[in-house]
Amino acid sequence: MVTGTGEANAAIFRRIIEEGFNRGDLAAMDALVAPDMVEHQTGLQPGLAGLKETIGGLRRDFPDFSLTIEDLVADGDKVWARMRGGGIHRAGFFGQPYTGEPVAIDVIDICRFAGGKMVEHWGVPDRFNLLEQLGLLPGPQPATAGDRA
């Protein structure tokens, strides 16, 4: 559902994803994100500078990184999105050497907008799946006969 103000906010969100995350155009973020944007996602820095740092780091480690919006709901000052992100792991990540392997994760974002800019962000990327794909976490173990008892 995208209505009224939500329609404009959805368009801003789509530009942040396409121009920022998918193309790496950090300068474009100046017109789309408030300098003092509040960041609620654990591990990310607040503000426009923090968002640019996040995008830059992702594109350093995964130069072909992209996000695809699978679902988007916008209403009033909020936008909710479910996305699929991924790319080829080309640089060190969490102190580990690059793998050269493709990775893909699911991401849920909620954003609040005011004055034509994103002013608040909550993000939930599937970090465990990413770490597992990079070999930094053990994968699921097959069940044994003793596990079924």
N, C-alpha and C. Protein backbone atom coordinates (compact mmCIF):
# COMPACT_ATOMS: atom_id res chain seq x y z
N MET A 1 0.85 -1.17 0.00
CA MET A 1 0.00 0.00 0.00
C MET A 1 0.89 1.23 0.00
N VAL A 2 0.74 2.11 -0.98
CA VAL A 2 1.50 3.35 -1.06
C VAL A 2 0.51 4.46 -1.35
N THR A 3 0.39 5.41 -0.41
CA THR A 3 -0.59 6.47 -0.59
C THR A 3 -0.01 7.82 -0.21
N GLY A 4 -0.52 8.91 -0.83
CA GLY A 4 -0.20 10.28 -0.46
C GLY A 4 1.27 10.53 -0.19
N THR A 5 1.54 11.03 1.02
CA THR A 5 2.92 11.32 1.44
C THR A 5 3.76 10.06 1.35
N GLY A 6 3.14 8.92 1.63
CA GLY A 6 3.86 7.66 1.56
C GLY A 6 4.44 7.41 0.18
N GLU A 7 3.73 7.85 -0.84
CA GLU A 7 4.21 7.68 -2.22
C GLU A 7 5.52 8.44 -2.44
N ALA A 8 5.57 9.67 -1.95
CA ALA A 8 6.80 10.47 -2.08
C ALA A 8 7.93 9.84 -1.28
N ASN A 9 7.62 9.36 -0.08
CA ASN A 9 8.65 8.74 0.76
C ASN A 9 9.15 7.43 0.15
N ALA A 10 8.25 6.66 -0.46
CA ALA A 10 8.67 5.43 -1.13
C ALA A 10 9.64 5.75 -2.28
N ALA A 11 9.38 6.84 -2.99
CA ALA A 11 10.26 7.24 -4.09
C ALA A 11 11.65 7.61 -3.56
N ILE A 12 11.69 8.30 -2.42
CA ILE A 12 12.98 8.65 -1.81
C ILE A 12 13.71 7.39 -1.39
N PHE A 13 12.99 6.47 -0.76
CA PHE A 13 13.60 5.21 -0.33
C PHE A 13 14.18 4.45 -1.52
N ARG A 14 13.41 4.36 -2.60
CA ARG A 14 13.90 3.67 -3.80
C ARG A 14 15.16 4.32 -4.34
N ARG A 15 15.24 5.65 -4.29
CA ARG A 15 16.45 6.35 -4.75
C ARG A 15 17.64 6.05 -3.85
N ILE A 16 17.41 5.98 -2.53
CA ILE A 16 18.51 5.64 -1.61
C ILE A 16 19.06 4.27 -1.97
N ILE A 17 18.18 3.32 -2.22
CA ILE A 17 18.62 1.97 -2.57
C ILE A 17 19.32 1.96 -3.92
N GLU A 18 18.68 2.52 -4.95
CA GLU A 18 19.24 2.45 -6.31
C GLU A 18 20.50 3.28 -6.47
N GLU A 19 20.43 4.55 -6.09
CA GLU A 19 21.57 5.44 -6.31
C GLU A 19 22.69 5.21 -5.30
N GLY A 20 22.33 4.98 -4.03
CA GLY A 20 23.34 4.80 -3.00
C GLY A 20 23.91 3.40 -2.96
N PHE A 21 23.08 2.44 -2.59
CA PHE A 21 23.57 1.08 -2.40
C PHE A 21 23.93 0.40 -3.72
N ASN A 22 23.09 0.54 -4.75
CA ASN A 22 23.33 -0.21 -5.99
C ASN A 22 24.35 0.45 -6.90
N ARG A 23 24.42 1.77 -6.90
CA ARG A 23 25.39 2.47 -7.78
C ARG A 23 26.58 3.02 -7.03
N GLY A 24 26.48 3.14 -5.71
CA GLY A 24 27.58 3.70 -4.92
C GLY A 24 27.71 5.20 -5.04
N ASP A 25 26.65 5.90 -5.42
CA ASP A 25 26.68 7.36 -5.57
C ASP A 25 26.45 8.01 -4.21
N LEU A 26 27.52 8.22 -3.46
CA LEU A 26 27.41 8.76 -2.11
C LEU A 26 26.94 10.21 -2.13
N ALA A 27 27.32 10.98 -3.13
CA ALA A 27 26.90 12.39 -3.21
C ALA A 27 25.39 12.51 -3.34
N ALA A 28 24.74 11.57 -3.98
CA ALA A 28 23.29 11.61 -4.15
C ALA A 28 22.58 11.51 -2.81
N MET A 29 23.23 10.94 -1.81
CA MET A 29 22.61 10.76 -0.50
C MET A 29 22.38 12.10 0.21
N ASP A 30 23.16 13.13 -0.16
CA ASP A 30 23.02 14.45 0.48
C ASP A 30 21.60 15.00 0.35
N ALA A 31 20.95 14.74 -0.76
CA ALA A 31 19.61 15.26 -1.00
C ALA A 31 18.51 14.35 -0.44
N LEU A 32 18.88 13.15 0.03
CA LEU A 32 17.88 12.15 0.41
C LEU A 32 17.88 11.79 1.89
N VAL A 33 18.97 12.09 2.59
CA VAL A 33 19.12 11.67 3.98
C VAL A 33 19.50 12.87 4.84
N ALA A 34 18.84 13.03 5.98
CA ALA A 34 19.13 14.13 6.89
C ALA A 34 20.53 13.96 7.49
N PRO A 35 21.26 15.05 7.63
CA PRO A 35 22.61 14.96 8.21
C PRO A 35 22.63 14.29 9.59
N ASP A 36 21.55 14.49 10.37
CA ASP A 36 21.48 13.94 11.73
C ASP A 36 20.53 12.74 11.81
N MET A 37 20.41 11.99 10.72
CA MET A 37 19.53 10.82 10.68
C MET A 37 19.83 9.91 11.87
N VAL A 38 18.78 9.45 12.55
CA VAL A 38 18.92 8.57 13.70
C VAL A 38 19.00 7.14 13.19
N GLU A 39 20.05 6.43 13.59
CA GLU A 39 20.28 5.05 13.15
C GLU A 39 20.03 4.11 14.32
N HIS A 40 19.12 3.15 14.12
CA HIS A 40 18.81 2.18 15.16
C HIS A 40 19.41 0.81 14.89
N GLN A 41 20.00 0.59 13.72
CA GLN A 41 20.57 -0.72 13.40
C GLN A 41 21.87 -0.89 14.15
N THR A 42 21.99 -1.95 14.91
CA THR A 42 23.18 -2.24 15.69
C THR A 42 24.42 -2.26 14.80
N GLY A 43 25.45 -1.56 15.26
CA GLY A 43 26.73 -1.59 14.56
C GLY A 43 26.91 -0.52 13.51
N LEU A 44 25.87 0.24 13.18
CA LEU A 44 25.99 1.29 12.17
C LEU A 44 26.09 2.66 12.85
N GLN A 45 26.83 3.54 12.21
CA GLN A 45 26.99 4.89 12.71
C GLN A 45 25.80 5.74 12.30
N PRO A 46 25.42 6.73 13.13
CA PRO A 46 24.27 7.58 12.81
C PRO A 46 24.59 8.62 11.74
N GLY A 47 23.54 9.24 11.25
CA GLY A 47 23.66 10.38 10.36
C GLY A 47 23.99 10.03 8.92
N LEU A 48 24.00 11.06 8.12
CA LEU A 48 24.35 10.94 6.71
C LEU A 48 25.75 10.38 6.55
N ALA A 49 26.69 10.85 7.37
CA ALA A 49 28.07 10.36 7.30
C ALA A 49 28.12 8.86 7.59
N GLY A 50 27.32 8.41 8.57
CA GLY A 50 27.28 6.98 8.88
C GLY A 50 26.74 6.15 7.74
N LEU A 51 25.69 6.65 7.07
CA LEU A 51 25.13 5.93 5.93
C LEU A 51 26.15 5.83 4.81
N LYS A 52 26.85 6.93 4.55
CA LYS A 52 27.88 6.91 3.50
C LYS A 52 28.99 5.92 3.85
N GLU A 53 29.35 5.85 5.13
CA GLU A 53 30.37 4.89 5.59
C GLU A 53 29.88 3.46 5.36
N THR A 54 28.62 3.20 5.66
CA THR A 54 28.05 1.87 5.47
C THR A 54 28.07 1.47 4.00
N ILE A 55 27.59 2.37 3.15
CA ILE A 55 27.57 2.08 1.71
C ILE A 55 28.98 1.87 1.19
N GLY A 56 29.91 2.75 1.59
CA GLY A 56 31.30 2.62 1.14
C GLY A 56 31.92 1.30 1.57
N GLY A 57 31.66 0.89 2.81
CA GLY A 57 32.21 -0.39 3.29
C GLY A 57 31.63 -1.58 2.56
N LEU A 58 30.32 -1.57 2.32
CA LEU A 58 29.70 -2.66 1.58
C LEU A 58 30.28 -2.77 0.17
N ARG A 59 30.44 -1.62 -0.48
CA ARG A 59 30.91 -1.62 -1.86
C ARG A 59 32.41 -1.92 -1.95
N ARG A 60 33.15 -1.70 -0.85
CA ARG A 60 34.56 -2.09 -0.81
C ARG A 60 34.67 -3.61 -0.74
N ASP A 61 33.89 -4.21 0.17
CA ASP A 61 33.98 -5.65 0.38
C ASP A 61 33.22 -6.46 -0.67
N PHE A 62 32.19 -5.86 -1.23
CA PHE A 62 31.34 -6.50 -2.25
C PHE A 62 31.12 -5.47 -3.37
N PRO A 63 32.11 -5.24 -4.26
CA PRO A 63 32.01 -4.15 -5.24
C PRO A 63 30.77 -4.19 -6.13
N ASP A 64 30.22 -5.36 -6.34
CA ASP A 64 29.02 -5.46 -7.18
C ASP A 64 27.75 -5.57 -6.33
N PHE A 65 27.84 -5.18 -5.06
CA PHE A 65 26.71 -5.30 -4.14
C PHE A 65 25.48 -4.62 -4.70
N SER A 66 24.34 -5.27 -4.53
CA SER A 66 23.07 -4.64 -4.92
C SER A 66 21.96 -5.15 -4.02
N LEU A 67 20.94 -4.32 -3.91
CA LEU A 67 19.73 -4.67 -3.18
C LEU A 67 18.56 -4.67 -4.15
N THR A 68 17.70 -5.65 -4.03
CA THR A 68 16.48 -5.72 -4.81
C THR A 68 15.31 -5.61 -3.85
N ILE A 69 14.44 -4.65 -4.08
CA ILE A 69 13.26 -4.49 -3.24
C ILE A 69 12.24 -5.55 -3.65
N GLU A 70 11.93 -6.44 -2.71
CA GLU A 70 10.97 -7.51 -2.96
C GLU A 70 9.55 -7.06 -2.59
N ASP A 71 9.42 -6.36 -1.47
CA ASP A 71 8.13 -5.85 -0.99
C ASP A 71 8.37 -4.47 -0.41
N LEU A 72 7.40 -3.57 -0.58
CA LEU A 72 7.51 -2.22 -0.03
C LEU A 72 6.12 -1.75 0.36
N VAL A 73 6.02 -1.22 1.57
CA VAL A 73 4.78 -0.63 2.06
C VAL A 73 5.12 0.75 2.57
N ALA A 74 4.36 1.75 2.14
CA ALA A 74 4.58 3.12 2.59
C ALA A 74 3.25 3.71 3.03
N ASP A 75 3.29 4.36 4.18
CA ASP A 75 2.08 5.00 4.70
C ASP A 75 2.53 6.17 5.56
N GLY A 76 2.09 7.36 5.19
CA GLY A 76 2.47 8.55 5.94
C GLY A 76 3.98 8.74 5.93
N ASP A 77 4.57 8.86 7.13
CA ASP A 77 6.00 9.15 7.21
C ASP A 77 6.87 7.90 7.27
N LYS A 78 6.29 6.69 7.14
CA LYS A 78 7.07 5.46 7.26
C LYS A 78 7.06 4.64 5.97
N VAL A 79 8.20 3.97 5.74
CA VAL A 79 8.36 3.02 4.64
C VAL A 79 8.92 1.74 5.23
N TRP A 80 8.29 0.61 4.91
CA TRP A 80 8.77 -0.71 5.29
C TRP A 80 9.16 -1.44 4.02
N ALA A 81 10.32 -2.10 4.04
CA ALA A 81 10.76 -2.83 2.84
C ALA A 81 11.40 -4.15 3.22
N ARG A 82 11.15 -5.15 2.39
CA ARG A 82 11.84 -6.44 2.46
C ARG A 82 12.66 -6.52 1.19
N MET A 83 13.96 -6.75 1.37
CA MET A 83 14.86 -6.75 0.23
C MET A 83 15.75 -7.98 0.25
N ARG A 84 16.36 -8.22 -0.89
CA ARG A 84 17.36 -9.28 -1.05
C ARG A 84 18.63 -8.58 -1.51
N GLY A 85 19.71 -8.78 -0.79
CA GLY A 85 20.98 -8.14 -1.14
C GLY A 85 22.05 -9.17 -1.39
N GLY A 86 23.05 -8.76 -2.14
CA GLY A 86 24.15 -9.69 -2.36
C GLY A 86 25.18 -9.16 -3.32
N GLY A 87 26.22 -9.94 -3.46
CA GLY A 87 27.32 -9.62 -4.36
C GLY A 87 28.43 -10.64 -4.19
N ILE A 88 29.52 -10.42 -4.90
CA ILE A 88 30.69 -11.30 -4.80
C ILE A 88 31.61 -10.74 -3.72
N HIS A 89 32.02 -11.59 -2.79
CA HIS A 89 32.91 -11.17 -1.71
C HIS A 89 34.33 -10.99 -2.25
N ARG A 90 34.75 -9.72 -2.40
CA ARG A 90 36.03 -9.40 -3.04
C ARG A 90 37.09 -8.83 -2.13
N ALA A 91 36.79 -8.54 -0.87
CA ALA A 91 37.78 -7.97 0.04
C ALA A 91 37.58 -8.58 1.42
N GLY A 92 38.53 -8.33 2.32
CA GLY A 92 38.44 -8.85 3.67
C GLY A 92 37.16 -8.40 4.35
N PHE A 93 36.64 -9.23 5.23
CA PHE A 93 35.40 -8.92 5.94
C PHE A 93 35.53 -9.55 7.32
N PHE A 94 35.32 -8.79 8.37
CA PHE A 94 35.51 -9.26 9.74
C PHE A 94 36.91 -9.85 9.92
N GLY A 95 37.91 -9.22 9.28
CA GLY A 95 39.29 -9.66 9.42
C GLY A 95 39.62 -10.94 8.68
N GLN A 96 38.71 -11.43 7.88
CA GLN A 96 38.94 -12.67 7.13
C GLN A 96 39.27 -12.33 5.68
N PRO A 97 40.10 -13.14 5.02
CA PRO A 97 40.40 -12.88 3.61
C PRO A 97 39.16 -13.08 2.74
N TYR A 98 39.21 -12.46 1.57
CA TYR A 98 38.07 -12.58 0.67
C TYR A 98 37.93 -14.01 0.18
N THR A 99 36.70 -14.36 -0.18
CA THR A 99 36.44 -15.72 -0.64
C THR A 99 36.23 -15.79 -2.14
N GLY A 100 35.85 -14.68 -2.76
CA GLY A 100 35.53 -14.69 -4.18
C GLY A 100 34.20 -15.36 -4.46
N GLU A 101 33.45 -15.66 -3.42
CA GLU A 101 32.18 -16.37 -3.55
C GLU A 101 31.00 -15.40 -3.50
N PRO A 102 29.91 -15.73 -4.18
CA PRO A 102 28.71 -14.89 -4.07
C PRO A 102 28.03 -15.11 -2.72
N VAL A 103 27.45 -14.04 -2.21
CA VAL A 103 26.65 -14.12 -1.00
C VAL A 103 25.31 -13.44 -1.27
N ALA A 104 24.29 -13.86 -0.53
CA ALA A 104 22.97 -13.25 -0.65
C ALA A 104 22.30 -13.29 0.71
N ILE A 105 21.68 -12.18 1.10
CA ILE A 105 20.98 -12.14 2.39
C ILE A 105 19.66 -11.40 2.24
N ASP A 106 18.78 -11.64 3.20
CA ASP A 106 17.53 -10.91 3.28
C ASP A 106 17.72 -9.74 4.23
N VAL A 107 17.05 -8.63 3.93
CA VAL A 107 17.14 -7.41 4.74
C VAL A 107 15.72 -6.85 4.91
N ILE A 108 15.41 -6.44 6.13
CA ILE A 108 14.16 -5.75 6.42
C ILE A 108 14.53 -4.35 6.88
N ASP A 109 13.95 -3.33 6.28
CA ASP A 109 14.20 -1.94 6.68
C ASP A 109 12.89 -1.24 6.99
N ILE A 110 12.93 -0.40 8.01
CA ILE A 110 11.85 0.53 8.32
C ILE A 110 12.50 1.90 8.39
N CYS A 111 11.93 2.85 7.68
CA CYS A 111 12.48 4.19 7.65
C CYS A 111 11.39 5.21 7.91
N ARG A 112 11.78 6.30 8.59
CA ARG A 112 10.87 7.42 8.80
C ARG A 112 11.41 8.61 8.04
N PHE A 113 10.50 9.37 7.43
CA PHE A 113 10.86 10.50 6.60
C PHE A 113 10.22 11.78 7.11
N ALA A 114 10.92 12.89 6.93
CA ALA A 114 10.38 14.22 7.25
C ALA A 114 11.09 15.23 6.35
N GLY A 115 10.34 16.17 5.84
CA GLY A 115 10.94 17.21 5.01
C GLY A 115 11.62 16.69 3.76
N GLY A 116 11.12 15.56 3.23
CA GLY A 116 11.69 15.02 2.00
C GLY A 116 12.99 14.26 2.18
N LYS A 117 13.33 13.90 3.44
CA LYS A 117 14.57 13.15 3.69
C LYS A 117 14.32 12.04 4.69
N MET A 118 15.14 11.01 4.61
CA MET A 118 15.11 9.95 5.61
C MET A 118 15.71 10.52 6.90
N VAL A 119 14.95 10.41 8.00
CA VAL A 119 15.41 10.96 9.27
C VAL A 119 15.63 9.89 10.34
N GLU A 120 15.16 8.66 10.07
CA GLU A 120 15.32 7.59 11.04
C GLU A 120 15.31 6.25 10.30
N HIS A 121 16.14 5.30 10.79
CA HIS A 121 16.26 4.00 10.12
C HIS A 121 16.40 2.88 11.15
N TRP A 122 15.64 1.81 10.92
CA TRP A 122 15.77 0.55 11.65
C TRP A 122 16.05 -0.51 10.59
N GLY A 123 17.13 -1.26 10.74
CA GLY A 123 17.45 -2.29 9.76
C GLY A 123 17.69 -3.64 10.42
N VAL A 124 17.26 -4.70 9.73
CA VAL A 124 17.47 -6.05 10.23
C VAL A 124 18.00 -6.91 9.08
N PRO A 125 19.33 -6.88 8.87
CA PRO A 125 19.90 -7.78 7.87
C PRO A 125 20.13 -9.16 8.48
N ASP A 126 20.06 -10.19 7.69
CA ASP A 126 20.29 -11.55 8.17
C ASP A 126 21.79 -11.79 8.26
N ARG A 127 22.40 -11.22 9.29
CA ARG A 127 23.86 -11.28 9.46
C ARG A 127 24.36 -12.70 9.69
N PHE A 128 23.60 -13.51 10.41
CA PHE A 128 24.05 -14.88 10.64
C PHE A 128 24.19 -15.64 9.33
N ASN A 129 23.24 -15.46 8.44
CA ASN A 129 23.31 -16.11 7.13
C ASN A 129 24.55 -15.64 6.38
N LEU A 130 24.82 -14.34 6.42
CA LEU A 130 26.00 -13.79 5.74
C LEU A 130 27.27 -14.41 6.32
N LEU A 131 27.40 -14.42 7.63
CA LEU A 131 28.59 -14.98 8.27
C LEU A 131 28.75 -16.46 7.94
N GLU A 132 27.65 -17.17 7.90
CA GLU A 132 27.68 -18.59 7.55
C GLU A 132 28.18 -18.77 6.11
N GLN A 133 27.68 -17.95 5.19
CA GLN A 133 28.09 -18.06 3.79
C GLN A 133 29.57 -17.74 3.60
N LEU A 134 30.11 -16.86 4.45
CA LEU A 134 31.53 -16.50 4.37
C LEU A 134 32.42 -17.48 5.12
N GLY A 135 31.82 -18.52 5.72
CA GLY A 135 32.59 -19.52 6.44
C GLY A 135 33.01 -19.07 7.82
N LEU A 136 32.38 -18.04 8.36
CA LEU A 136 32.75 -17.52 9.66
C LEU A 136 31.89 -18.08 10.79
N LEU A 137 30.86 -18.86 10.44
CA LEU A 137 30.03 -19.57 11.41
C LEU A 137 29.84 -20.99 10.90
N PRO A 138 29.72 -21.94 11.81
CA PRO A 138 29.46 -23.29 11.33
C PRO A 138 28.07 -23.37 10.72
N GLY A 139 27.94 -24.16 9.69
CA GLY A 139 26.65 -24.36 9.05
C GLY A 139 25.80 -25.32 9.85
N PRO A 140 24.56 -25.52 9.42
CA PRO A 140 23.70 -26.49 10.11
C PRO A 140 24.30 -27.88 10.07
N GLN A 141 24.20 -28.57 11.17
CA GLN A 141 24.75 -29.93 11.26
C GLN A 141 23.64 -30.93 10.96
N PRO A 142 23.97 -31.96 10.20
CA PRO A 142 22.94 -32.98 9.91
C PRO A 142 22.50 -33.67 11.20
N ALA A 143 21.24 -34.02 11.25
CA ALA A 143 20.69 -34.74 12.42
C ALA A 143 21.27 -36.14 12.46
N THR A 144 21.52 -36.62 13.65
CA THR A 144 21.99 -37.99 13.84
C THR A 144 20.87 -38.80 14.46
N ALA A 145 21.02 -40.10 14.45
CA ALA A 145 19.97 -40.98 15.01
C ALA A 145 19.70 -40.63 16.46
N GLY A 146 20.72 -40.25 17.23
CA GLY A 146 20.55 -39.91 18.63
C GLY A 146 19.74 -38.62 18.82
N ASP A 147 19.74 -37.73 17.82
CA ASP A 147 18.99 -36.48 17.92
C ASP A 147 17.49 -36.69 17.82
N ARG A 148 17.08 -37.81 17.24
CA ARG A 148 15.65 -38.05 16.98
C ARG A 148 14.95 -38.63 18.20
N ALA A 149 15.68 -39.09 19.17
CA ALA A 149 15.07 -39.76 20.33
C ALA A 149 14.38 -38.79 21.25
